[in-house]
Amino acid sequence: MELEFSSSEITDIGGALQEEEGLKRKFRRKLMALKMRSSGIPVKMIASSLDVSQRTVSNYTCEYRSGGLKATLEDSVEDRTYCPDSSVEPFWEGLEKDFRREPVGCAKQASVRIVKLTGITLSPSQTRRLMTKLGMSYRKAGQIPGKADGQLQLDFLCRIVNSCQAKSSRS
C-alpha cells in the first residue's frame, strides 16, 4: 500500500513527535511508523524496529489516510491494546541513580527501597521486572567452603604445578 506524504504532512508528523511531551507510548509509536513510512522505509523493517506486526503498521497507515493526524492521535473507544503506564515511571531516574549508587541484594530489599523513595508498593515480580529494566541482573551466590584450610590448598596447588613442570622438562 503506497501512501504519498506532502511536505506539510511530514512536518506536522515531525512536529507532533517533538512537541508533545505527554504523548502516550502508542501514539508515539504510530507517529514513528508514519514518519518512517514517509521516508520510504519498507513496512517489514518498520514493524521489526517498532516491535509490532506488519498488519499493525498497515493499520496505522490506513488510519492516517482516512482521518489524518487528528484520527491518528485520537483515543478511540475500540482501542483493543491495553498497555498501562507504570506508576513508578515519574521516579525512574531517581530510582536508577539510587540503585546504581547502592545496589540491592534481592527483590525484597529493592521493594522496600522503592517504598521509601516513592511511597509506591510493588509486588516482588513487578520489582524484579523493574530491576531488569534498570539493567540489573540476577546473581547466584556461591557457597563458601566451611572448613577449608588455605595452607593445604596452597601446598596442593604447588605440588600440581611442580609435577606439571617436571613432566614438561622430561619431554
N, C-alpha and C. Protein backbone atom coordinates (compact mmCIF):
# COMPACT_ATOMS: atom_id res chain seq x y z
N MET A 1 0.85 -1.16 0.00
CA MET A 1 0.00 0.00 0.00
C MET A 1 0.90 1.23 0.00
N GLU A 2 0.78 2.04 -1.02
CA GLU A 2 1.59 3.25 -1.14
C GLU A 2 0.84 4.43 -0.56
N LEU A 3 1.55 5.29 0.09
CA LEU A 3 0.96 6.47 0.68
C LEU A 3 1.92 7.62 0.45
N GLU A 4 1.45 8.62 -0.24
CA GLU A 4 2.28 9.78 -0.52
C GLU A 4 2.04 10.82 0.57
N PHE A 5 3.11 11.37 1.09
CA PHE A 5 3.04 12.39 2.11
C PHE A 5 3.50 13.71 1.53
N SER A 6 2.75 14.75 1.78
CA SER A 6 3.20 16.08 1.35
C SER A 6 4.22 16.59 2.35
N SER A 7 4.97 17.60 1.97
CA SER A 7 5.99 18.13 2.88
C SER A 7 5.35 18.72 4.14
N SER A 8 4.16 19.29 4.01
CA SER A 8 3.49 19.84 5.21
C SER A 8 3.04 18.72 6.14
N GLU A 9 2.59 17.59 5.59
CA GLU A 9 2.19 16.46 6.42
C GLU A 9 3.40 15.89 7.17
N ILE A 10 4.53 15.79 6.48
CA ILE A 10 5.75 15.28 7.11
C ILE A 10 6.17 16.21 8.24
N THR A 11 6.07 17.52 8.00
CA THR A 11 6.40 18.50 9.02
C THR A 11 5.46 18.38 10.21
N ASP A 12 4.16 18.20 9.94
CA ASP A 12 3.17 18.06 11.02
C ASP A 12 3.46 16.83 11.88
N ILE A 13 3.80 15.71 11.22
CA ILE A 13 4.10 14.48 11.95
C ILE A 13 5.34 14.67 12.81
N GLY A 14 6.38 15.27 12.23
CA GLY A 14 7.61 15.53 12.99
C GLY A 14 7.36 16.48 14.15
N GLY A 15 6.54 17.49 13.92
CA GLY A 15 6.22 18.44 14.99
C GLY A 15 5.44 17.78 16.10
N ALA A 16 4.49 16.91 15.74
CA ALA A 16 3.70 16.21 16.76
C ALA A 16 4.59 15.29 17.59
N LEU A 17 5.60 14.70 16.97
CA LEU A 17 6.53 13.84 17.70
C LEU A 17 7.38 14.64 18.68
N GLN A 18 7.81 15.83 18.28
CA GLN A 18 8.73 16.61 19.11
C GLN A 18 8.01 17.47 20.15
N GLU A 19 6.85 18.00 19.83
CA GLU A 19 6.18 18.95 20.71
C GLU A 19 5.43 18.29 21.86
N GLU A 20 4.86 17.14 21.64
CA GLU A 20 4.00 16.51 22.64
C GLU A 20 4.83 15.81 23.70
N GLU A 21 4.95 16.42 24.88
CA GLU A 21 5.69 15.78 25.97
C GLU A 21 4.87 14.70 26.65
N GLY A 22 3.59 14.90 26.78
CA GLY A 22 2.73 13.94 27.45
C GLY A 22 2.14 12.92 26.48
N LEU A 23 2.79 12.73 25.35
CA LEU A 23 2.29 11.82 24.32
C LEU A 23 2.41 10.38 24.80
N LYS A 24 1.31 9.63 24.71
CA LYS A 24 1.33 8.24 25.13
C LYS A 24 2.24 7.43 24.21
N ARG A 25 2.71 6.32 24.75
CA ARG A 25 3.63 5.46 24.01
C ARG A 25 3.04 4.96 22.70
N LYS A 26 1.76 4.59 22.70
CA LYS A 26 1.16 4.05 21.49
C LYS A 26 1.06 5.11 20.40
N PHE A 27 0.79 6.38 20.78
CA PHE A 27 0.72 7.44 19.78
C PHE A 27 2.10 7.77 19.24
N ARG A 28 3.09 7.73 20.11
CA ARG A 28 4.47 7.96 19.66
C ARG A 28 4.87 6.89 18.66
N ARG A 29 4.48 5.64 18.93
CA ARG A 29 4.79 4.54 18.02
C ARG A 29 4.09 4.74 16.68
N LYS A 30 2.84 5.18 16.72
CA LYS A 30 2.11 5.43 15.46
C LYS A 30 2.80 6.51 14.64
N LEU A 31 3.18 7.61 15.31
CA LEU A 31 3.82 8.71 14.61
C LEU A 31 5.19 8.30 14.06
N MET A 32 5.92 7.49 14.82
CA MET A 32 7.21 7.00 14.33
C MET A 32 7.02 6.12 13.09
N ALA A 33 5.99 5.28 13.10
CA ALA A 33 5.71 4.43 11.94
C ALA A 33 5.38 5.29 10.72
N LEU A 34 4.57 6.32 10.92
CA LEU A 34 4.23 7.20 9.80
C LEU A 34 5.44 7.97 9.29
N LYS A 35 6.28 8.41 10.21
CA LYS A 35 7.49 9.15 9.83
C LYS A 35 8.42 8.25 9.02
N MET A 36 8.58 7.00 9.46
CA MET A 36 9.43 6.07 8.72
C MET A 36 8.82 5.72 7.37
N ARG A 37 7.50 5.58 7.37
CA ARG A 37 6.79 5.26 6.11
C ARG A 37 6.97 6.41 5.11
N SER A 38 6.95 7.65 5.60
CA SER A 38 7.12 8.80 4.70
C SER A 38 8.54 8.85 4.14
N SER A 39 9.50 8.24 4.83
CA SER A 39 10.88 8.20 4.35
C SER A 39 11.11 7.08 3.36
N GLY A 40 10.09 6.25 3.14
CA GLY A 40 10.21 5.17 2.17
C GLY A 40 10.75 3.87 2.74
N ILE A 41 10.78 3.74 4.03
CA ILE A 41 11.26 2.52 4.67
C ILE A 41 10.19 1.43 4.50
N PRO A 42 10.60 0.21 4.15
CA PRO A 42 9.62 -0.87 3.96
C PRO A 42 8.86 -1.20 5.25
N VAL A 43 7.63 -1.64 5.08
CA VAL A 43 6.76 -1.96 6.21
C VAL A 43 7.38 -3.03 7.11
N LYS A 44 8.03 -4.01 6.51
CA LYS A 44 8.63 -5.10 7.29
C LYS A 44 9.70 -4.55 8.24
N MET A 45 10.50 -3.63 7.75
CA MET A 45 11.56 -3.06 8.58
C MET A 45 10.98 -2.17 9.67
N ILE A 46 9.92 -1.42 9.35
CA ILE A 46 9.27 -0.57 10.35
C ILE A 46 8.69 -1.44 11.46
N ALA A 47 8.02 -2.52 11.06
CA ALA A 47 7.40 -3.42 12.03
C ALA A 47 8.44 -4.02 12.97
N SER A 48 9.57 -4.46 12.43
CA SER A 48 10.58 -5.08 13.29
C SER A 48 11.24 -4.05 14.19
N SER A 49 11.44 -2.82 13.72
CA SER A 49 12.10 -1.83 14.56
C SER A 49 11.18 -1.31 15.66
N LEU A 50 9.87 -1.28 15.41
CA LEU A 50 8.93 -0.81 16.43
C LEU A 50 8.33 -1.95 17.25
N ASP A 51 8.73 -3.18 16.93
CA ASP A 51 8.26 -4.37 17.62
C ASP A 51 6.74 -4.51 17.56
N VAL A 52 6.19 -4.33 16.36
CA VAL A 52 4.78 -4.55 16.09
C VAL A 52 4.68 -5.40 14.83
N SER A 53 3.49 -5.86 14.50
CA SER A 53 3.32 -6.67 13.29
C SER A 53 3.20 -5.77 12.07
N GLN A 54 3.40 -6.35 10.91
CA GLN A 54 3.27 -5.60 9.66
C GLN A 54 1.83 -5.12 9.49
N ARG A 55 0.89 -5.92 9.93
CA ARG A 55 -0.51 -5.55 9.84
C ARG A 55 -0.79 -4.28 10.68
N THR A 56 -0.16 -4.19 11.83
CA THR A 56 -0.35 -3.01 12.68
C THR A 56 0.17 -1.76 11.99
N VAL A 57 1.32 -1.87 11.33
CA VAL A 57 1.86 -0.72 10.60
C VAL A 57 0.90 -0.32 9.48
N SER A 58 0.33 -1.31 8.80
CA SER A 58 -0.66 -1.03 7.74
C SER A 58 -1.90 -0.37 8.33
N ASN A 59 -2.33 -0.81 9.51
CA ASN A 59 -3.48 -0.19 10.17
C ASN A 59 -3.20 1.27 10.51
N TYR A 60 -1.98 1.55 11.00
CA TYR A 60 -1.60 2.93 11.28
C TYR A 60 -1.70 3.78 10.02
N THR A 61 -1.22 3.23 8.92
CA THR A 61 -1.23 3.96 7.65
C THR A 61 -2.67 4.20 7.19
N CYS A 62 -3.52 3.18 7.28
CA CYS A 62 -4.93 3.33 6.89
C CYS A 62 -5.64 4.35 7.77
N GLU A 63 -5.35 4.32 9.05
CA GLU A 63 -5.95 5.26 9.99
C GLU A 63 -5.56 6.69 9.62
N TYR A 64 -4.28 6.89 9.27
CA TYR A 64 -3.83 8.22 8.88
C TYR A 64 -4.47 8.66 7.57
N ARG A 65 -4.55 7.72 6.63
CA ARG A 65 -5.13 8.06 5.33
C ARG A 65 -6.61 8.43 5.46
N SER A 66 -7.34 7.76 6.34
CA SER A 66 -8.78 8.02 6.46
C SER A 66 -9.09 9.28 7.27
N GLY A 67 -8.27 9.61 8.27
CA GLY A 67 -8.63 10.75 9.11
C GLY A 67 -7.52 11.74 9.39
N GLY A 68 -6.34 11.52 8.82
CA GLY A 68 -5.24 12.45 9.03
C GLY A 68 -4.62 12.32 10.40
N LEU A 69 -3.88 13.35 10.77
CA LEU A 69 -3.16 13.35 12.03
C LEU A 69 -4.10 13.34 13.22
N LYS A 70 -5.25 13.98 13.09
CA LYS A 70 -6.22 14.04 14.19
C LYS A 70 -6.72 12.63 14.53
N ALA A 71 -7.03 11.84 13.51
CA ALA A 71 -7.52 10.48 13.74
C ALA A 71 -6.42 9.60 14.33
N THR A 72 -5.18 9.84 13.95
CA THR A 72 -4.07 9.05 14.46
C THR A 72 -3.84 9.31 15.95
N LEU A 73 -4.03 10.56 16.36
CA LEU A 73 -3.79 10.92 17.76
C LEU A 73 -5.02 10.84 18.63
N GLU A 74 -6.14 10.41 18.07
CA GLU A 74 -7.39 10.33 18.81
C GLU A 74 -7.47 9.00 19.56
N ASP A 75 -7.86 9.06 20.82
CA ASP A 75 -8.01 7.86 21.64
C ASP A 75 -9.38 7.27 21.35
N SER A 76 -9.43 6.20 20.59
CA SER A 76 -10.72 5.63 20.20
C SER A 76 -11.23 4.66 21.27
N VAL A 77 -12.54 4.49 21.32
CA VAL A 77 -13.18 3.59 22.27
C VAL A 77 -12.87 2.15 21.90
N GLU A 78 -12.71 1.87 20.62
CA GLU A 78 -12.48 0.50 20.20
C GLU A 78 -11.02 0.11 20.24
N ASP A 79 -10.22 0.88 20.94
CA ASP A 79 -8.80 0.58 21.08
C ASP A 79 -8.66 -0.70 21.89
N ARG A 80 -8.11 -1.74 21.28
CA ARG A 80 -8.02 -3.03 21.93
C ARG A 80 -6.71 -3.23 22.67
N THR A 81 -5.76 -2.36 22.44
CA THR A 81 -4.47 -2.55 23.09
C THR A 81 -4.52 -1.95 24.49
N TYR A 82 -4.10 -2.72 25.44
CA TYR A 82 -4.04 -2.24 26.81
C TYR A 82 -2.59 -2.27 27.23
N CYS A 83 -2.02 -1.12 27.39
CA CYS A 83 -0.62 -1.02 27.77
C CYS A 83 -0.50 0.06 28.83
N PRO A 84 -0.70 -0.29 30.09
CA PRO A 84 -0.70 0.73 31.14
C PRO A 84 0.68 1.33 31.36
N ASP A 85 0.70 2.57 31.78
CA ASP A 85 1.95 3.22 32.13
C ASP A 85 2.28 2.85 33.57
N SER A 86 3.55 2.74 33.85
CA SER A 86 3.99 2.36 35.19
C SER A 86 3.79 3.52 36.16
N SER A 87 3.37 3.20 37.36
CA SER A 87 3.20 4.24 38.38
C SER A 87 4.55 4.72 38.90
N VAL A 88 5.59 3.96 38.63
CA VAL A 88 6.93 4.30 39.09
C VAL A 88 7.67 5.15 38.04
N GLU A 89 7.11 5.28 36.86
CA GLU A 89 7.79 5.98 35.76
C GLU A 89 8.24 7.41 36.11
N PRO A 90 7.47 8.21 36.83
CA PRO A 90 7.96 9.56 37.17
C PRO A 90 9.21 9.55 38.06
N PHE A 91 9.45 8.45 38.77
CA PHE A 91 10.57 8.35 39.69
C PHE A 91 11.75 7.56 39.10
N TRP A 92 11.66 7.25 37.81
CA TRP A 92 12.60 6.34 37.15
C TRP A 92 14.06 6.75 37.35
N GLU A 93 14.39 8.01 37.05
CA GLU A 93 15.78 8.46 37.11
C GLU A 93 16.32 8.41 38.53
N GLY A 94 15.51 8.82 39.49
CA GLY A 94 15.94 8.78 40.89
C GLY A 94 16.18 7.36 41.37
N LEU A 95 15.30 6.44 40.97
CA LEU A 95 15.48 5.04 41.36
C LEU A 95 16.75 4.47 40.73
N GLU A 96 16.95 4.80 39.46
CA GLU A 96 18.13 4.28 38.77
C GLU A 96 19.41 4.77 39.43
N LYS A 97 19.47 6.05 39.76
CA LYS A 97 20.66 6.60 40.43
C LYS A 97 20.87 5.94 41.79
N ASP A 98 19.78 5.77 42.53
CA ASP A 98 19.88 5.18 43.86
C ASP A 98 20.36 3.74 43.79
N PHE A 99 19.81 2.95 42.86
CA PHE A 99 20.20 1.55 42.73
C PHE A 99 21.63 1.42 42.20
N ARG A 100 22.07 2.35 41.36
CA ARG A 100 23.46 2.31 40.86
C ARG A 100 24.43 2.67 41.99
N ARG A 101 24.04 3.65 42.80
CA ARG A 101 24.89 4.10 43.90
C ARG A 101 25.03 3.00 44.95
N GLU A 102 23.91 2.37 45.29
CA GLU A 102 23.91 1.34 46.33
C GLU A 102 23.03 0.17 45.87
N PRO A 103 23.63 -0.82 45.18
CA PRO A 103 22.85 -1.95 44.66
C PRO A 103 22.18 -2.75 45.78
N VAL A 104 21.09 -3.41 45.41
CA VAL A 104 20.36 -4.24 46.37
C VAL A 104 20.69 -5.70 46.13
N GLY A 105 20.43 -6.52 47.13
CA GLY A 105 20.75 -7.93 47.03
C GLY A 105 19.60 -8.78 46.51
N CYS A 106 18.36 -8.34 46.73
CA CYS A 106 17.23 -9.15 46.30
C CYS A 106 16.03 -8.24 46.03
N ALA A 107 14.97 -8.85 45.51
CA ALA A 107 13.77 -8.10 45.15
C ALA A 107 13.09 -7.50 46.39
N LYS A 108 13.16 -8.19 47.51
CA LYS A 108 12.54 -7.66 48.73
C LYS A 108 13.22 -6.38 49.19
N GLN A 109 14.55 -6.37 49.14
CA GLN A 109 15.27 -5.15 49.51
C GLN A 109 14.94 -4.01 48.55
N ALA A 110 14.86 -4.34 47.27
CA ALA A 110 14.52 -3.32 46.27
C ALA A 110 13.12 -2.79 46.50
N SER A 111 12.19 -3.68 46.83
CA SER A 111 10.81 -3.27 47.07
C SER A 111 10.72 -2.31 48.26
N VAL A 112 11.46 -2.61 49.32
CA VAL A 112 11.47 -1.74 50.50
C VAL A 112 12.05 -0.38 50.14
N ARG A 113 13.13 -0.38 49.36
CA ARG A 113 13.76 0.89 48.96
C ARG A 113 12.83 1.70 48.07
N ILE A 114 12.10 1.04 47.17
CA ILE A 114 11.15 1.74 46.29
C ILE A 114 10.05 2.39 47.12
N VAL A 115 9.56 1.69 48.13
CA VAL A 115 8.53 2.27 49.00
C VAL A 115 9.07 3.49 49.72
N LYS A 116 10.32 3.43 50.21
CA LYS A 116 10.92 4.57 50.90
C LYS A 116 11.07 5.77 49.98
N LEU A 117 11.50 5.52 48.73
CA LEU A 117 11.78 6.62 47.80
C LEU A 117 10.52 7.19 47.14
N THR A 118 9.54 6.33 46.86
CA THR A 118 8.38 6.77 46.08
C THR A 118 7.06 6.70 46.83
N GLY A 119 6.98 5.84 47.83
CA GLY A 119 5.70 5.63 48.51
C GLY A 119 4.81 4.64 47.78
N ILE A 120 5.33 4.00 46.72
CA ILE A 120 4.56 3.05 45.92
C ILE A 120 5.01 1.64 46.28
N THR A 121 4.05 0.77 46.58
CA THR A 121 4.35 -0.61 46.91
C THR A 121 4.19 -1.47 45.67
N LEU A 122 5.24 -2.24 45.36
CA LEU A 122 5.21 -3.14 44.20
C LEU A 122 5.32 -4.57 44.67
N SER A 123 4.73 -5.47 43.91
CA SER A 123 4.86 -6.89 44.22
C SER A 123 6.29 -7.33 43.87
N PRO A 124 6.72 -8.46 44.41
CA PRO A 124 8.09 -8.92 44.10
C PRO A 124 8.33 -9.13 42.60
N SER A 125 7.33 -9.65 41.88
CA SER A 125 7.52 -9.86 40.44
C SER A 125 7.65 -8.53 39.69
N GLN A 126 6.84 -7.53 40.09
CA GLN A 126 6.95 -6.21 39.47
C GLN A 126 8.29 -5.56 39.81
N THR A 127 8.76 -5.78 41.03
CA THR A 127 10.04 -5.23 41.44
C THR A 127 11.17 -5.85 40.62
N ARG A 128 11.11 -7.17 40.42
CA ARG A 128 12.13 -7.83 39.60
C ARG A 128 12.10 -7.32 38.16
N ARG A 129 10.89 -7.11 37.63
CA ARG A 129 10.76 -6.58 36.26
C ARG A 129 11.37 -5.18 36.18
N LEU A 130 11.12 -4.36 37.18
CA LEU A 130 11.68 -3.01 37.22
C LEU A 130 13.20 -3.06 37.30
N MET A 131 13.72 -3.95 38.14
CA MET A 131 15.17 -4.08 38.27
C MET A 131 15.80 -4.53 36.96
N THR A 132 15.12 -5.41 36.23
CA THR A 132 15.62 -5.86 34.93
C THR A 132 15.64 -4.71 33.94
N LYS A 133 14.59 -3.88 33.95
CA LYS A 133 14.56 -2.71 33.06
C LYS A 133 15.67 -1.73 33.37
N LEU A 134 16.07 -1.67 34.62
CA LEU A 134 17.17 -0.79 35.03
C LEU A 134 18.53 -1.36 34.65
N GLY A 135 18.56 -2.59 34.13
CA GLY A 135 19.81 -3.19 33.71
C GLY A 135 20.46 -4.05 34.76
N MET A 136 19.76 -4.30 35.84
CA MET A 136 20.31 -5.15 36.89
C MET A 136 20.05 -6.60 36.52
N SER A 137 20.95 -7.49 36.91
CA SER A 137 20.76 -8.90 36.59
C SER A 137 20.83 -9.73 37.86
N TYR A 138 20.32 -10.95 37.76
CA TYR A 138 20.30 -11.84 38.91
C TYR A 138 21.67 -12.49 39.06
N ARG A 139 22.13 -12.56 40.27
CA ARG A 139 23.40 -13.21 40.57
C ARG A 139 23.14 -14.30 41.59
N LYS A 140 23.68 -15.47 41.32
CA LYS A 140 23.52 -16.56 42.26
C LYS A 140 24.76 -16.62 43.13
N ALA A 141 24.56 -16.55 44.42
CA ALA A 141 25.69 -16.56 45.34
C ALA A 141 26.28 -17.96 45.43
N GLY A 142 27.61 -18.04 45.39
CA GLY A 142 28.28 -19.32 45.51
C GLY A 142 28.46 -19.69 46.97
N GLN A 143 28.71 -20.97 47.21
CA GLN A 143 28.90 -21.43 48.57
C GLN A 143 30.35 -21.22 48.99
N ILE A 144 30.52 -20.93 50.23
CA ILE A 144 31.86 -20.80 50.79
C ILE A 144 32.16 -22.08 51.54
N PRO A 145 33.28 -22.71 51.23
CA PRO A 145 33.60 -23.96 51.94
C PRO A 145 33.71 -23.71 53.43
N GLY A 146 33.11 -24.59 54.20
CA GLY A 146 33.05 -24.40 55.65
C GLY A 146 34.36 -24.61 56.36
N LYS A 147 35.10 -25.67 56.02
CA LYS A 147 36.31 -25.99 56.77
C LYS A 147 37.52 -26.03 55.84
N ALA A 148 37.65 -25.07 54.99
CA ALA A 148 38.77 -25.04 54.07
C ALA A 148 40.02 -24.55 54.79
N ASP A 149 41.13 -25.22 54.50
CA ASP A 149 42.42 -24.82 55.07
C ASP A 149 43.25 -24.21 53.94
N GLY A 150 43.52 -22.94 54.03
CA GLY A 150 44.22 -22.22 52.97
C GLY A 150 45.61 -22.77 52.71
N GLN A 151 46.34 -23.15 53.76
CA GLN A 151 47.71 -23.65 53.60
C GLN A 151 47.71 -24.99 52.87
N LEU A 152 46.76 -25.88 53.19
CA LEU A 152 46.67 -27.17 52.49
C LEU A 152 46.36 -26.96 51.01
N GLN A 153 45.49 -26.02 50.71
CA GLN A 153 45.16 -25.76 49.30
C GLN A 153 46.38 -25.23 48.56
N LEU A 154 47.15 -24.34 49.17
CA LEU A 154 48.34 -23.79 48.55
C LEU A 154 49.38 -24.88 48.31
N ASP A 155 49.57 -25.76 49.29
CA ASP A 155 50.51 -26.88 49.13
C ASP A 155 50.08 -27.78 47.98
N PHE A 156 48.78 -28.07 47.87
CA PHE A 156 48.26 -28.90 46.80
C PHE A 156 48.52 -28.27 45.43
N LEU A 157 48.25 -26.97 45.31
CA LEU A 157 48.49 -26.28 44.03
C LEU A 157 49.97 -26.27 43.67
N CYS A 158 50.83 -26.08 44.65
CA CYS A 158 52.28 -26.09 44.39
C CYS A 158 52.73 -27.47 43.91
N ARG A 159 52.23 -28.54 44.52
CA ARG A 159 52.57 -29.90 44.08
C ARG A 159 52.15 -30.13 42.64
N ILE A 160 50.94 -29.69 42.27
CA ILE A 160 50.45 -29.88 40.91
C ILE A 160 51.31 -29.10 39.92
N VAL A 161 51.61 -27.86 40.22
CA VAL A 161 52.44 -27.04 39.34
C VAL A 161 53.82 -27.67 39.18
N ASN A 162 54.42 -28.13 40.27
CA ASN A 162 55.75 -28.76 40.22
C ASN A 162 55.72 -30.03 39.39
N SER A 163 54.67 -30.84 39.54
CA SER A 163 54.59 -32.09 38.77
C SER A 163 54.39 -31.79 37.28
N CYS A 164 53.64 -30.75 36.95
CA CYS A 164 53.45 -30.37 35.54
C CYS A 164 54.76 -29.86 34.95
N GLN A 165 55.54 -29.11 35.72
CA GLN A 165 56.82 -28.59 35.23
C GLN A 165 57.81 -29.73 35.04
N ALA A 166 57.76 -30.71 35.94
CA ALA A 166 58.68 -31.85 35.83
C ALA A 166 58.36 -32.67 34.58
N LYS A 167 57.08 -32.85 34.29
CA LYS A 167 56.68 -33.60 33.10
C LYS A 167 57.08 -32.88 31.83
N SER A 168 56.95 -31.58 31.82
CA SER A 168 57.28 -30.81 30.61
C SER A 168 58.79 -30.77 30.38
N SER A 169 59.61 -30.81 31.46
CA SER A 169 61.06 -30.79 31.29
C SER A 169 61.58 -32.13 30.79
N ARG A 170 60.88 -33.23 31.09
CA ARG A 170 61.25 -34.56 30.61
C ARG A 170 60.98 -34.71 29.13
N SER A 171 59.97 -34.02 28.63
CA SER A 171 59.55 -34.18 27.24
C SER A 171 60.41 -33.50 26.26
